[in-house]
Amino acid sequence: QVRLVESGGAMVQAGGSLRLSCVASERFVSGWFLQYPGIAREFVAGISTGGGTTDYADSVKGRFTISRDNAKNTVYLQMNNLKPEDTAVYYCAAHASGSWYYTTSWMYWGQGTQVTVSS
């Protein structure tokens, strides 16, 4: 059974930074999604198993960075220059088959961590 455990969500002021972490029981292609209340999850960022390939949603390019430490089976999402519209529940995902942008491509999900950005 693959487990993904996220942490790092918090409340911060606009312009601030947060780092989300996702510890996995196995090593896979990994990604982060966000979800606003009542709306489907949206792709934020993805990273290949070795870390050499990354991709980002246009809304976060230049502000968020995805990375991984395979020795710790951990994937990170560094979030800088946060905006109120970044407020959402963030989910870690693992083991993609197909386009990273679609939730249906991902096999495993974490429980989510809340990020709240105040103006």
N, C-alpha and C. Protein backbone atom coordinates (compact mmCIF):
# COMPACT_ATOMS: atom_id res chain seq x y z
N GLN A 1 0.84 -1.18 0.00
CA GLN A 1 0.00 0.00 0.00
C GLN A 1 0.89 1.24 0.00
N VAL A 2 0.73 2.08 -1.03
CA VAL A 2 1.52 3.29 -1.13
C VAL A 2 0.88 4.38 -0.28
N ARG A 3 1.67 5.04 0.52
CA ARG A 3 1.18 6.15 1.34
C ARG A 3 1.91 7.42 0.98
N LEU A 4 1.14 8.50 0.92
CA LEU A 4 1.70 9.83 0.70
C LEU A 4 1.25 10.69 1.87
N VAL A 5 2.17 11.36 2.52
CA VAL A 5 1.84 12.18 3.67
C VAL A 5 2.37 13.59 3.43
N GLU A 6 1.43 14.54 3.31
CA GLU A 6 1.82 15.93 3.08
C GLU A 6 1.95 16.66 4.42
N SER A 7 2.74 17.71 4.38
CA SER A 7 2.84 18.62 5.52
C SER A 7 3.31 19.97 5.02
N GLY A 8 3.21 20.97 5.88
CA GLY A 8 3.73 22.28 5.55
C GLY A 8 2.69 23.34 5.29
N GLY A 9 1.43 22.95 5.17
CA GLY A 9 0.40 23.94 4.95
C GLY A 9 0.25 24.85 6.16
N ALA A 10 -0.08 26.10 5.89
CA ALA A 10 -0.20 27.08 6.98
C ALA A 10 -0.91 28.31 6.46
N MET A 11 -1.09 29.28 7.34
CA MET A 11 -1.63 30.58 6.95
C MET A 11 -0.47 31.57 6.89
N VAL A 12 -0.36 32.28 5.77
CA VAL A 12 0.70 33.27 5.61
C VAL A 12 0.12 34.52 4.98
N GLN A 13 0.86 35.61 5.06
CA GLN A 13 0.43 36.84 4.40
C GLN A 13 0.89 36.84 2.94
N ALA A 14 0.18 37.61 2.15
CA ALA A 14 0.55 37.74 0.75
C ALA A 14 2.01 38.19 0.63
N GLY A 15 2.71 37.60 -0.31
CA GLY A 15 4.13 37.89 -0.48
C GLY A 15 5.03 36.95 0.28
N GLY A 16 4.46 36.17 1.16
CA GLY A 16 5.24 35.24 1.96
C GLY A 16 5.55 33.95 1.23
N SER A 17 6.19 33.04 1.96
CA SER A 17 6.63 31.77 1.38
C SER A 17 6.23 30.60 2.28
N LEU A 18 6.06 29.47 1.66
CA LEU A 18 5.83 28.21 2.36
C LEU A 18 6.54 27.11 1.59
N ARG A 19 6.89 26.04 2.31
CA ARG A 19 7.40 24.84 1.64
C ARG A 19 6.55 23.66 2.07
N LEU A 20 5.92 23.04 1.09
CA LEU A 20 5.15 21.83 1.34
C LEU A 20 6.05 20.62 1.13
N SER A 21 5.81 19.59 1.92
CA SER A 21 6.56 18.34 1.80
C SER A 21 5.60 17.18 1.60
N CYS A 22 6.05 16.19 0.88
CA CYS A 22 5.26 14.98 0.66
C CYS A 22 6.21 13.79 0.80
N VAL A 23 5.99 13.01 1.83
CA VAL A 23 6.80 11.81 2.04
C VAL A 23 6.05 10.62 1.48
N ALA A 24 6.74 9.86 0.65
CA ALA A 24 6.11 8.71 0.00
C ALA A 24 6.77 7.42 0.46
N SER A 25 5.99 6.35 0.45
CA SER A 25 6.53 5.05 0.85
C SER A 25 7.30 4.40 -0.30
N GLU A 26 7.11 4.92 -1.54
CA GLU A 26 7.83 4.43 -2.70
C GLU A 26 8.15 5.61 -3.61
N ARG A 27 9.07 5.39 -4.55
CA ARG A 27 9.53 6.46 -5.42
C ARG A 27 8.81 6.41 -6.76
N PHE A 28 8.10 7.50 -7.10
CA PHE A 28 7.36 7.58 -8.35
C PHE A 28 7.52 8.97 -8.93
N VAL A 29 7.11 9.12 -10.19
CA VAL A 29 6.81 10.45 -10.71
C VAL A 29 5.82 11.09 -9.73
N SER A 30 6.04 12.34 -9.41
CA SER A 30 5.22 12.98 -8.37
C SER A 30 4.73 14.34 -8.83
N GLY A 31 3.67 14.78 -8.19
CA GLY A 31 3.13 16.08 -8.55
C GLY A 31 2.35 16.70 -7.40
N TRP A 32 2.00 17.94 -7.62
CA TRP A 32 1.15 18.68 -6.68
C TRP A 32 -0.05 19.24 -7.43
N PHE A 33 -1.20 19.16 -6.79
CA PHE A 33 -2.43 19.74 -7.28
C PHE A 33 -3.01 20.64 -6.19
N LEU A 34 -3.85 21.57 -6.60
CA LEU A 34 -4.60 22.36 -5.64
C LEU A 34 -6.09 22.17 -5.91
N GLN A 35 -6.86 22.42 -4.88
CA GLN A 35 -8.31 22.32 -5.02
C GLN A 35 -8.99 23.45 -4.26
N TYR A 36 -9.78 24.24 -5.00
CA TYR A 36 -10.63 25.25 -4.39
C TYR A 36 -11.94 24.58 -3.99
N PRO A 37 -12.64 25.13 -3.01
CA PRO A 37 -13.91 24.52 -2.57
C PRO A 37 -14.89 24.37 -3.73
N GLY A 38 -15.41 23.17 -3.89
CA GLY A 38 -16.42 22.91 -4.90
C GLY A 38 -15.92 22.83 -6.33
N ILE A 39 -14.60 22.86 -6.52
CA ILE A 39 -14.02 22.84 -7.87
C ILE A 39 -13.05 21.67 -7.97
N ALA A 40 -12.94 21.11 -9.17
CA ALA A 40 -12.03 19.98 -9.38
C ALA A 40 -10.57 20.37 -9.12
N ARG A 41 -9.78 19.41 -8.77
CA ARG A 41 -8.35 19.64 -8.53
C ARG A 41 -7.66 20.10 -9.80
N GLU A 42 -6.68 20.99 -9.60
CA GLU A 42 -5.93 21.56 -10.71
C GLU A 42 -4.46 21.24 -10.56
N PHE A 43 -3.81 20.96 -11.67
CA PHE A 43 -2.38 20.68 -11.67
C PHE A 43 -1.60 21.92 -11.28
N VAL A 44 -0.60 21.73 -10.44
CA VAL A 44 0.29 22.82 -10.03
C VAL A 44 1.70 22.57 -10.58
N ALA A 45 2.24 21.38 -10.27
CA ALA A 45 3.61 21.09 -10.68
C ALA A 45 3.83 19.58 -10.68
N GLY A 46 4.79 19.14 -11.49
CA GLY A 46 5.14 17.74 -11.54
C GLY A 46 6.64 17.57 -11.69
N ILE A 47 7.14 16.41 -11.26
CA ILE A 47 8.57 16.14 -11.33
C ILE A 47 8.79 14.67 -11.62
N SER A 48 9.76 14.40 -12.47
CA SER A 48 10.06 13.01 -12.83
C SER A 48 10.73 12.28 -11.67
N THR A 49 10.86 10.98 -11.81
CA THR A 49 11.40 10.17 -10.73
C THR A 49 12.82 10.59 -10.35
N GLY A 50 13.62 10.91 -11.35
CA GLY A 50 14.99 11.32 -11.09
C GLY A 50 15.14 12.80 -10.79
N GLY A 51 14.09 13.56 -11.04
CA GLY A 51 14.12 15.00 -10.77
C GLY A 51 14.59 15.85 -11.93
N GLY A 52 14.93 15.21 -13.04
CA GLY A 52 15.47 15.97 -14.16
C GLY A 52 14.46 16.69 -15.01
N THR A 53 13.20 16.31 -14.88
CA THR A 53 12.12 16.93 -15.65
C THR A 53 11.07 17.48 -14.72
N THR A 54 10.72 18.74 -14.93
CA THR A 54 9.67 19.37 -14.14
C THR A 54 8.71 20.10 -15.07
N ASP A 55 7.52 20.34 -14.58
CA ASP A 55 6.53 21.10 -15.33
C ASP A 55 5.67 21.85 -14.34
N TYR A 56 5.15 23.00 -14.78
CA TYR A 56 4.39 23.86 -13.90
C TYR A 56 3.16 24.42 -14.60
N ALA A 57 2.13 24.67 -13.83
CA ALA A 57 1.00 25.43 -14.34
C ALA A 57 1.46 26.86 -14.59
N ASP A 58 0.89 27.51 -15.59
CA ASP A 58 1.30 28.88 -15.92
C ASP A 58 1.15 29.82 -14.73
N SER A 59 0.13 29.58 -13.91
CA SER A 59 -0.17 30.49 -12.80
C SER A 59 0.90 30.49 -11.72
N VAL A 60 1.75 29.49 -11.69
CA VAL A 60 2.77 29.41 -10.63
C VAL A 60 4.19 29.49 -11.15
N LYS A 61 4.36 29.52 -12.46
CA LYS A 61 5.72 29.58 -13.02
C LYS A 61 6.44 30.82 -12.50
N GLY A 62 7.67 30.62 -12.08
CA GLY A 62 8.46 31.72 -11.54
C GLY A 62 8.24 31.97 -10.06
N ARG A 63 7.21 31.37 -9.47
CA ARG A 63 6.95 31.54 -8.04
C ARG A 63 7.10 30.24 -7.26
N PHE A 64 6.71 29.13 -7.86
CA PHE A 64 6.77 27.82 -7.18
C PHE A 64 7.88 26.98 -7.81
N THR A 65 8.50 26.15 -6.97
CA THR A 65 9.53 25.23 -7.44
C THR A 65 9.29 23.86 -6.83
N ILE A 66 9.21 22.86 -7.69
CA ILE A 66 9.09 21.49 -7.22
C ILE A 66 10.46 20.84 -7.24
N SER A 67 10.74 20.04 -6.22
CA SER A 67 12.02 19.35 -6.15
C SER A 67 11.82 18.06 -5.37
N ARG A 68 12.85 17.24 -5.35
CA ARG A 68 12.74 15.99 -4.60
C ARG A 68 14.08 15.59 -4.02
N ASP A 69 14.00 14.88 -2.91
CA ASP A 69 15.17 14.28 -2.27
C ASP A 69 14.89 12.78 -2.23
N ASN A 70 15.44 12.06 -3.18
CA ASN A 70 15.11 10.63 -3.27
C ASN A 70 15.70 9.82 -2.12
N ALA A 71 16.71 10.32 -1.48
CA ALA A 71 17.25 9.62 -0.31
C ALA A 71 16.25 9.62 0.83
N LYS A 72 15.36 10.63 0.82
CA LYS A 72 14.34 10.73 1.86
C LYS A 72 12.95 10.40 1.34
N ASN A 73 12.86 10.01 0.05
CA ASN A 73 11.54 9.73 -0.57
C ASN A 73 10.58 10.89 -0.35
N THR A 74 11.09 12.10 -0.50
CA THR A 74 10.31 13.30 -0.22
C THR A 74 10.31 14.22 -1.43
N VAL A 75 9.13 14.75 -1.72
CA VAL A 75 8.96 15.75 -2.78
C VAL A 75 8.53 17.05 -2.12
N TYR A 76 9.10 18.14 -2.60
CA TYR A 76 8.83 19.45 -2.00
C TYR A 76 8.15 20.36 -3.02
N LEU A 77 7.40 21.31 -2.50
CA LEU A 77 6.88 22.40 -3.31
C LEU A 77 7.21 23.70 -2.57
N GLN A 78 8.21 24.40 -3.08
CA GLN A 78 8.58 25.69 -2.52
C GLN A 78 7.68 26.75 -3.16
N MET A 79 6.96 27.48 -2.34
CA MET A 79 5.98 28.45 -2.80
C MET A 79 6.42 29.83 -2.34
N ASN A 80 6.79 30.67 -3.28
CA ASN A 80 7.23 32.03 -2.98
C ASN A 80 6.25 33.05 -3.54
N ASN A 81 6.34 34.26 -3.01
CA ASN A 81 5.48 35.35 -3.47
C ASN A 81 4.02 34.90 -3.53
N LEU A 82 3.56 34.34 -2.43
CA LEU A 82 2.21 33.80 -2.40
C LEU A 82 1.16 34.89 -2.53
N LYS A 83 0.08 34.53 -3.20
CA LYS A 83 -1.03 35.45 -3.45
C LYS A 83 -2.30 34.89 -2.81
N PRO A 84 -3.26 35.75 -2.49
CA PRO A 84 -4.52 35.25 -1.92
C PRO A 84 -5.18 34.17 -2.79
N GLU A 85 -5.02 34.27 -4.09
CA GLU A 85 -5.64 33.27 -4.98
C GLU A 85 -4.93 31.91 -4.94
N ASP A 86 -3.82 31.83 -4.23
CA ASP A 86 -3.17 30.54 -4.01
C ASP A 86 -3.81 29.76 -2.87
N THR A 87 -4.73 30.41 -2.15
CA THR A 87 -5.42 29.75 -1.04
C THR A 87 -6.21 28.56 -1.56
N ALA A 88 -5.90 27.37 -1.02
CA ALA A 88 -6.52 26.13 -1.49
C ALA A 88 -6.00 24.99 -0.64
N VAL A 89 -6.58 23.82 -0.84
CA VAL A 89 -6.00 22.60 -0.29
C VAL A 89 -5.06 22.04 -1.35
N TYR A 90 -3.85 21.72 -0.94
CA TYR A 90 -2.83 21.21 -1.84
C TYR A 90 -2.65 19.71 -1.61
N TYR A 91 -2.65 18.97 -2.71
CA TYR A 91 -2.54 17.52 -2.66
C TYR A 91 -1.29 17.06 -3.37
N CYS A 92 -0.62 16.11 -2.76
CA CYS A 92 0.49 15.42 -3.39
C CYS A 92 -0.07 14.24 -4.17
N ALA A 93 0.49 13.99 -5.34
CA ALA A 93 0.07 12.88 -6.17
C ALA A 93 1.31 12.10 -6.62
N ALA A 94 1.12 10.81 -6.89
CA ALA A 94 2.25 9.99 -7.32
C ALA A 94 1.81 8.94 -8.33
N HIS A 95 2.77 8.50 -9.15
CA HIS A 95 2.61 7.42 -10.12
C HIS A 95 1.66 7.84 -11.23
N ALA A 96 2.16 8.73 -12.10
CA ALA A 96 1.36 9.20 -13.22
C ALA A 96 1.54 8.30 -14.44
N SER A 97 0.44 8.09 -15.14
CA SER A 97 0.44 7.37 -16.41
C SER A 97 -0.34 8.22 -17.39
N GLY A 98 0.36 8.97 -18.21
CA GLY A 98 -0.30 9.90 -19.11
C GLY A 98 0.06 11.33 -18.75
N SER A 99 -0.73 12.26 -19.25
CA SER A 99 -0.46 13.67 -19.00
C SER A 99 -0.50 14.01 -17.52
N TRP A 100 0.48 14.72 -17.06
CA TRP A 100 0.53 15.11 -15.65
C TRP A 100 -0.63 16.05 -15.29
N TYR A 101 -1.21 16.71 -16.29
CA TYR A 101 -2.19 17.75 -16.03
C TYR A 101 -3.56 17.20 -15.62
N TYR A 102 -3.77 15.92 -15.83
CA TYR A 102 -5.09 15.35 -15.55
C TYR A 102 -5.07 14.54 -14.27
N THR A 103 -6.06 14.75 -13.40
CA THR A 103 -6.12 14.00 -12.15
C THR A 103 -6.25 12.51 -12.41
N THR A 104 -6.89 12.15 -13.51
CA THR A 104 -7.09 10.72 -13.81
C THR A 104 -5.80 10.00 -14.18
N SER A 105 -4.73 10.76 -14.42
CA SER A 105 -3.45 10.14 -14.75
C SER A 105 -2.71 9.64 -13.53
N TRP A 106 -3.13 10.09 -12.36
CA TRP A 106 -2.38 9.81 -11.13
C TRP A 106 -3.04 8.70 -10.33
N MET A 107 -2.23 7.79 -9.80
CA MET A 107 -2.77 6.64 -9.08
C MET A 107 -2.91 6.88 -7.59
N TYR A 108 -1.99 7.61 -6.99
CA TYR A 108 -1.99 7.74 -5.53
C TYR A 108 -2.09 9.21 -5.12
N TRP A 109 -2.79 9.44 -4.01
CA TRP A 109 -3.01 10.80 -3.52
C TRP A 109 -2.79 10.87 -2.03
N GLY A 110 -2.30 12.03 -1.59
CA GLY A 110 -2.21 12.29 -0.17
C GLY A 110 -3.53 12.83 0.34
N GLN A 111 -3.52 13.19 1.61
CA GLN A 111 -4.75 13.61 2.27
C GLN A 111 -5.01 15.10 2.11
N GLY A 112 -4.02 15.84 1.65
CA GLY A 112 -4.18 17.28 1.44
C GLY A 112 -3.69 18.11 2.61
N THR A 113 -3.23 19.30 2.31
CA THR A 113 -2.79 20.24 3.33
C THR A 113 -3.28 21.63 2.94
N GLN A 114 -3.82 22.36 3.91
CA GLN A 114 -4.44 23.65 3.64
C GLN A 114 -3.39 24.76 3.61
N VAL A 115 -3.45 25.55 2.55
CA VAL A 115 -2.64 26.77 2.44
C VAL A 115 -3.60 27.94 2.38
N THR A 116 -3.41 28.90 3.26
CA THR A 116 -4.25 30.09 3.30
C THR A 116 -3.36 31.33 3.23
N VAL A 117 -3.64 32.18 2.25
CA VAL A 117 -2.84 33.38 2.05
C VAL A 117 -3.75 34.59 2.29
N SER A 118 -3.40 35.38 3.27
CA SER A 118 -4.21 36.55 3.59
C SER A 118 -3.66 37.79 2.89
N SER A 119 -4.58 38.69 2.55
CA SER A 119 -4.15 39.90 1.84
C SER A 119 -3.79 41.01 2.80
